[in-house]
Protein backbone atom coordinates (compact mmCIF):
# COMPACT_ATOMS: atom_id res chain seq x y z
CA MET A 1 101.81 90.72 110.02
CA SER A 2 98.08 91.06 110.61
CA GLU A 3 95.58 92.41 108.10
CA SER A 4 95.12 95.56 110.18
CA GLU A 5 98.90 96.13 110.26
CA ILE A 6 99.04 95.69 106.48
CA TYR A 7 96.27 98.26 105.97
CA GLU A 8 97.94 100.63 108.43
CA LYS A 9 101.16 100.49 106.41
CA LEU A 10 99.26 100.67 103.10
CA THR A 11 97.51 103.81 104.34
CA GLY A 12 100.86 105.53 104.81
CA VAL A 13 102.03 104.45 101.36
CA PHE A 14 98.80 105.57 99.66
CA ARG A 15 98.87 108.94 101.45
CA ASP A 16 102.49 109.48 100.41
CA VAL A 17 102.06 108.42 96.76
CA PHE A 18 98.83 110.36 96.23
CA ASP A 19 99.83 113.27 98.51
CA ASP A 20 96.51 113.08 100.36
CA ASP A 21 96.59 112.88 104.17
CA ASP A 22 92.89 111.99 104.28
CA LEU A 23 93.12 108.97 101.98
CA THR A 24 92.37 105.67 103.69
CA PRO A 25 92.48 102.56 101.50
CA THR A 26 89.70 100.03 101.98
CA PRO A 27 89.40 96.47 100.64
CA GLU A 28 86.83 97.55 98.02
CA MET A 29 88.74 100.65 96.82
CA THR A 30 89.79 100.69 93.16
CA ALA A 31 91.78 103.10 91.00
CA ASP A 32 88.47 104.66 89.93
CA ASP A 33 87.93 105.81 93.52
CA VAL A 34 91.08 107.97 93.61
CA GLU A 35 91.20 110.87 91.17
CA GLU A 36 95.01 110.96 91.00
CA TRP A 37 95.35 107.19 90.44
CA ASP A 38 96.53 106.89 86.83
CA SER A 39 98.98 104.52 85.15
CA LEU A 40 102.06 106.45 86.29
CA SER A 41 100.90 106.76 89.90
CA HIS A 42 99.99 103.05 89.81
CA ILE A 43 103.62 102.19 89.04
CA ARG A 44 104.83 104.50 91.82
CA LEU A 45 102.31 102.94 94.19
CA MET A 46 103.38 99.36 93.43
CA LEU A 47 107.08 100.24 93.78
CA SER A 48 106.35 102.02 97.08
CA VAL A 49 104.37 99.03 98.38
CA GLU A 50 107.21 96.69 97.43
CA ARG A 51 109.68 98.92 99.27
CA ALA A 52 107.48 99.38 102.34
CA PHE A 53 106.89 95.64 102.82
CA GLY A 54 110.21 94.34 101.46
CA VAL A 55 108.50 92.21 98.80
CA ARG A 56 108.62 91.92 95.00
CA PHE A 57 105.64 91.50 92.68
CA SER A 58 105.64 89.80 89.30
CA THR A 59 103.89 91.32 86.29
CA VAL A 60 101.33 88.50 86.41
CA GLU A 61 100.58 89.20 90.08
CA LEU A 62 100.15 92.91 89.42
CA GLY A 63 97.92 92.22 86.43
CA GLY A 64 95.51 90.27 88.62
CA LEU A 65 94.90 93.13 91.06
CA LYS A 66 91.49 94.77 90.80
CA LYS A 67 90.93 96.20 94.30
CA VAL A 68 93.04 97.28 97.26
CA GLY A 69 91.86 94.13 99.04
CA ASP A 70 93.55 92.06 96.32
CA LEU A 71 96.78 93.99 96.92
CA ALA A 72 96.54 93.48 100.69
CA ARG A 73 96.02 89.72 100.23
CA LEU A 74 98.97 89.56 97.83
CA VAL A 75 101.19 91.36 100.35
CA GLU A 76 99.98 89.09 103.15
CA GLY A 77 100.73 86.02 101.03
CA LYS A 78 104.22 87.29 100.24
CA LEU A 79 104.93 88.01 103.89
CA ASN A 80 103.68 84.58 104.92
CA GLY A 81 105.65 82.85 102.18
CA ALA A 82 102.57 81.62 100.34
CA ALA A 83 103.08 83.63 97.15
């Protein structure tokens, strides 16, 4: 799956979790950039991303995420068998 395909799918997940049809995740986006992004919505987001891509994240992997770009690279690694 290409980076653009990953972001396309992430966009749908973000819009669903945060109930915002105008939200478009970017590599530099952080939780501070989305008003509704709190600890509970973060859990819902990670579970939704796992479901959407058919992957599982460890607590250590999730703890290392700082930006959406980190999440996209993690997903890409999982899909390519590198993580």
